Amino acid sequence: MSVEAVEVIAAPAAAIVALDPVRSRLLAELREPRSATELARTLDLPRQRVHYHVRQLEAQGLVTGAGERRWGGLTERLLVATAGAYLVSPEVLGAAAARPTPGDRPDRLSAAYLVALAGRVVQEVGALLRRSRETGRPAETFTIDADITFRTPSARADFVRDLTEAVATVIARHHVESGSTGRRHRLVIGAYPIPQNAPADAGPSEEQNLPADAGPSKEQNLPADAGPSKEQNVG
């Protein structure tokens, strides 16, 4: 079977199951097909207990069968996680989830607003991934990720101003008014100081992942309420 690199968990019941410490460890171990016997040995748990947790994961669609393997005179069932890694969508929290409030004037320098936007990205792109699996067509997204060091607060303020002006110019050049033929896209830009305790591999990346055909698409599947957005959060 094809294993997705990331699966966004949107169902509360699945999130509860996956967040159990033993089950989250099982999901990590099941990035490659393994038997319950192997899992019990690795986690130093009784096989019956492993079987119980695996059944809970299977019931939520987080683990699936991966064939069988003969071991001596026995036949072992192999299991594998449905993704290489998982992320829980804010929608699991329902009405309590952080989300941008339509109609409110956004505070571009608010860390809370940036978190709300990031949560919406997880929710909406997670929906794109699920639709992509259903249709067999890739989700048409692009990402720019870069680390920047500012010498002074003034330099940072200059960058915010320049970036805001540049983004507004590019949007004006390519945006078509609602009602025109085309596909709406969400653009979110954010910047924040890297925490001092960030993992060592979170250094400068300047990575860019821009598909050659990353223009407007009529084929992207966004939630019905995912209307056009020119939101900028460069605080």
Protein backbone atom coordinates (compact mmCIF):
# COMPACT_ATOMS: atom_id res chain seq x y z
CA MET A 1 0.00 0.00 0.00
CA SER A 2 1.02 3.61 -0.44
CA VAL A 3 1.92 5.26 2.85
CA GLU A 4 1.28 9.00 3.05
CA ALA A 5 4.14 11.05 4.46
CA VAL A 6 1.78 12.95 6.78
CA GLU A 7 -1.81 12.37 7.80
CA VAL A 8 -3.81 15.10 9.51
CA ILE A 9 -6.17 13.60 12.08
CA ALA A 10 -9.51 15.42 11.97
CA ALA A 11 -11.77 13.03 13.92
CA PRO A 12 -11.85 13.51 17.72
CA ALA A 13 -12.11 9.75 18.36
CA ALA A 14 -9.03 9.07 16.21
CA ALA A 15 -7.12 11.84 18.00
CA ILE A 16 -7.93 10.36 21.41
CA VAL A 17 -6.68 6.96 20.29
CA ALA A 18 -3.50 8.29 18.66
CA LEU A 19 -2.54 10.48 21.63
CA ASP A 20 -2.30 7.53 24.00
CA PRO A 21 1.45 7.18 24.74
CA VAL A 22 1.60 3.46 23.95
CA ARG A 23 -0.38 3.84 20.73
CA SER A 24 1.65 6.80 19.53
CA ARG A 25 4.77 4.69 20.07
CA LEU A 26 3.15 1.87 18.08
CA LEU A 27 2.43 4.27 15.21
CA ALA A 28 6.08 5.30 15.19
CA GLU A 29 7.24 1.67 15.17
CA LEU A 30 4.79 0.80 12.39
CA ARG A 31 6.31 3.08 9.80
CA GLU A 32 7.53 -0.23 8.41
CA PRO A 33 5.44 -3.44 8.38
CA ARG A 34 5.85 -5.40 11.61
CA SER A 35 4.09 -8.19 13.46
CA ALA A 36 2.49 -7.97 16.89
CA THR A 37 5.20 -10.27 18.20
CA GLU A 38 7.93 -7.89 17.02
CA LEU A 39 6.09 -4.92 18.50
CA ALA A 40 5.67 -6.67 21.85
CA ARG A 41 9.39 -7.43 21.94
CA THR A 42 10.39 -3.87 20.99
CA LEU A 43 8.06 -2.19 23.48
CA ASP A 44 8.59 -4.87 26.16
CA LEU A 45 4.83 -5.38 26.47
CA PRO A 46 2.66 -8.52 26.62
CA ARG A 47 1.52 -9.49 23.13
CA GLN A 48 -2.12 -9.45 24.26
CA ARG A 49 -1.78 -5.82 25.27
CA VAL A 50 -0.18 -4.96 21.93
CA HIS A 51 -3.06 -6.69 20.12
CA TYR A 52 -5.55 -4.58 22.09
CA HIS A 53 -3.88 -1.29 21.21
CA VAL A 54 -3.44 -2.28 17.57
CA ARG A 55 -7.16 -3.07 17.31
CA GLN A 56 -7.97 0.40 18.63
CA LEU A 57 -5.67 1.97 16.03
CA GLU A 58 -7.15 -0.16 13.24
CA ALA A 59 -10.68 0.82 14.23
CA GLN A 60 -9.77 4.48 13.62
CA GLY A 61 -8.05 3.81 10.30
CA LEU A 62 -4.57 4.62 11.62
CA VAL A 63 -3.16 1.11 11.13
CA THR A 64 -3.91 -1.44 8.43
CA GLY A 65 -2.88 -4.94 7.44
CA ALA A 66 0.27 -5.33 5.33
CA GLY A 67 0.14 -8.99 4.39
CA GLU A 68 1.41 -12.10 6.13
CA ARG A 69 4.75 -13.69 6.89
CA ARG A 70 5.55 -17.31 7.63
CA TRP A 71 7.70 -17.88 10.70
CA GLY A 72 8.51 -21.53 11.24
CA GLY A 73 5.18 -23.29 11.28
CA LEU A 74 3.26 -20.12 12.10
CA THR A 75 1.79 -17.38 9.93
CA GLU A 76 2.15 -13.86 11.32
CA ARG A 77 -0.04 -10.96 10.27
CA LEU A 78 1.92 -7.84 9.39
CA LEU A 79 0.70 -4.36 10.24
CA VAL A 80 1.69 -0.90 9.05
CA ALA A 81 0.71 2.66 9.92
CA THR A 82 -1.31 4.52 7.30
CA ALA A 83 1.17 7.41 7.37
CA GLY A 84 4.77 8.09 8.22
CA ALA A 85 3.77 10.84 10.67
CA TYR A 86 0.61 12.35 12.09
CA LEU A 87 -0.65 15.79 13.04
CA VAL A 88 -3.85 16.57 14.94
CA SER A 89 -6.04 19.20 13.30
CA PRO A 90 -7.41 22.02 15.49
CA GLU A 91 -10.91 21.08 14.29
CA VAL A 92 -10.72 18.17 16.76
CA LEU A 93 -11.46 20.79 19.45
CA GLY A 94 -14.64 21.90 17.69
CA ALA A 95 -15.88 25.32 18.79
CA ALA A 96 -12.94 25.67 21.20
CA ALA A 97 -10.34 25.61 18.40
CA ALA A 98 -8.37 28.76 17.66
CA ARG A 99 -9.43 30.23 14.32
CA PRO A 100 -9.44 33.64 12.63
CA THR A 101 -12.77 35.38 13.21
CA PRO A 102 -14.36 36.56 9.94
CA GLY A 103 -14.96 40.28 9.91
CA ASP A 104 -12.45 41.09 12.66
CA ARG A 105 -9.63 43.45 11.78
CA PRO A 106 -6.53 41.24 11.98
CA ASP A 107 -3.61 42.27 14.18
CA ARG A 108 -0.62 41.56 11.93
CA LEU A 109 1.76 41.75 14.89
CA SER A 110 -0.19 39.34 17.11
CA ALA A 111 1.39 35.96 17.85
CA ALA A 112 -2.07 34.62 18.71
CA TYR A 113 -3.34 35.61 15.27
CA LEU A 114 -0.38 33.84 13.65
CA VAL A 115 -1.19 30.68 15.63
CA ALA A 116 -4.84 30.87 14.54
CA LEU A 117 -3.80 31.19 10.90
CA ALA A 118 -1.36 28.28 11.24
CA GLY A 119 -4.15 26.16 12.70
CA ARG A 120 -6.39 26.97 9.75
CA VAL A 121 -3.59 25.97 7.37
CA VAL A 122 -3.35 22.57 9.10
CA GLN A 123 -7.12 22.09 8.88
CA GLU A 124 -7.53 23.15 5.25
CA VAL A 125 -4.41 21.49 3.85
CA GLY A 126 -5.36 18.36 5.79
CA ALA A 127 -8.68 18.40 3.92
CA LEU A 128 -6.74 18.77 0.65
CA LEU A 129 -4.62 15.73 1.52
CA ARG A 130 -7.69 13.62 2.24
CA ARG A 131 -9.32 14.67 -1.04
CA SER A 132 -6.06 13.96 -2.84
CA ARG A 133 -6.07 10.39 -1.54
CA GLU A 134 -9.70 9.95 -2.60
CA THR A 135 -9.19 11.28 -6.13
CA GLY A 136 -5.62 10.10 -6.73
CA ARG A 137 -4.64 13.61 -7.80
CA PRO A 138 -1.90 15.56 -5.98
CA ALA A 139 -2.83 18.57 -3.88
CA GLU A 140 -1.52 21.63 -5.70
CA THR A 141 0.30 23.60 -3.02
CA PHE A 142 3.60 25.41 -2.75
CA THR A 143 5.76 26.45 0.18
CA ILE A 144 8.58 28.89 0.82
CA ASP A 145 10.55 28.32 4.02
CA ALA A 146 13.51 30.50 4.99
CA ASP A 147 15.42 31.60 8.09
CA ILE A 148 16.41 35.26 8.29
CA THR A 149 18.71 37.02 10.77
CA PHE A 150 18.09 40.73 11.40
CA ARG A 151 20.94 42.82 12.75
CA THR A 152 18.64 45.29 14.53
CA PRO A 153 14.92 45.77 15.30
CA SER A 154 14.99 48.59 12.76
CA ALA A 155 16.21 46.20 10.07
CA ARG A 156 13.37 43.85 10.94
CA ALA A 157 10.85 46.67 10.64
CA ASP A 158 12.28 47.59 7.23
CA PHE A 159 11.94 43.97 6.12
CA VAL A 160 8.31 43.83 7.26
CA ARG A 161 7.53 46.99 5.31
CA ASP A 162 9.35 45.84 2.16
CA LEU A 163 7.80 42.37 2.23
CA THR A 164 4.30 43.73 2.80
CA GLU A 165 4.64 46.11 -0.15
CA ALA A 166 6.12 43.41 -2.39
CA VAL A 167 3.37 40.91 -1.58
CA ALA A 168 0.66 43.50 -2.19
CA THR A 169 2.23 44.30 -5.57
CA VAL A 170 2.41 40.64 -6.63
CA ILE A 171 -1.18 39.99 -5.50
CA ALA A 172 -2.44 42.98 -7.49
CA ARG A 173 -0.60 41.70 -10.57
CA HIS A 174 -2.02 38.16 -10.49
CA HIS A 175 -5.35 38.33 -8.64
CA VAL A 176 -8.62 38.20 -10.59
CA GLU A 177 -11.82 39.50 -9.07
CA SER A 178 -14.37 37.08 -7.65
CA GLY A 179 -16.69 35.72 -10.28
CA SER A 180 -13.90 35.39 -12.81
CA THR A 181 -12.76 32.02 -14.06
CA GLY A 182 -10.08 30.62 -11.77
CA ARG A 183 -9.42 28.84 -8.49
CA ARG A 184 -9.17 30.65 -5.17
CA HIS A 185 -6.00 30.17 -3.16
CA ARG A 186 -5.07 30.98 0.43
CA LEU A 187 -1.87 32.94 1.02
CA VAL A 188 -0.47 33.14 4.55
CA ILE A 189 2.86 34.75 5.40
CA GLY A 190 4.23 34.74 8.92
CA ALA A 191 7.51 35.39 10.68
CA TYR A 192 8.62 34.80 14.26
CA PRO A 193 11.86 34.53 16.25
CA ILE A 194 13.16 30.95 16.36
CA PRO A 195 12.95 29.67 19.96
CA GLN A 196 16.29 29.15 21.68
CA ASN A 197 15.36 25.54 22.47
CA ALA A 198 14.47 24.73 18.85
CA PRO A 199 15.93 21.43 17.55
CA ALA A 200 19.49 21.65 16.27
CA ASP A 201 18.36 20.76 12.74
CA ALA A 202 16.10 23.81 12.58
CA GLY A 203 18.88 26.05 11.30
CA PRO A 204 18.87 28.17 8.14
CA SER A 205 17.19 26.31 5.33
CA GLU A 206 16.22 28.85 2.69
CA GLU A 207 14.31 25.94 1.18
CA GLN A 208 11.85 26.66 -1.56
CA ASN A 209 9.34 24.18 -2.84
CA LEU A 210 7.73 25.84 -5.82
CA PRO A 211 6.15 23.58 -8.45
CA ALA A 212 6.80 24.78 -11.98
CA ASP A 213 3.04 24.93 -12.56
CA ALA A 214 2.23 26.61 -9.25
CA GLY A 215 -0.13 29.13 -10.83
CA PRO A 216 -3.87 29.38 -10.11
CA SER A 217 -5.58 26.02 -10.52
CA LYS A 218 -9.18 25.08 -11.12
CA GLU A 219 -8.54 21.66 -9.68
CA GLN A 220 -7.65 22.36 -6.05
CA ASN A 221 -10.17 21.09 -3.55
CA LEU A 222 -10.54 23.59 -0.72
CA PRO A 223 -13.32 23.55 1.88
CA ALA A 224 -16.37 25.50 0.74
CA ASP A 225 -15.66 28.33 3.16
CA ALA A 226 -12.02 28.64 2.12
CA GLY A 227 -12.58 31.90 0.26
CA PRO A 228 -9.88 34.19 -1.11
CA SER A 229 -7.56 35.70 1.42
CA LYS A 230 -4.91 38.36 1.24
CA GLU A 231 -4.04 37.98 4.88
CA GLN A 232 -0.51 38.88 5.79
CA ASN A 233 1.01 38.22 9.19
CA VAL A 234 4.62 39.26 9.08
CA GLY A 235 4.82 40.17 12.74
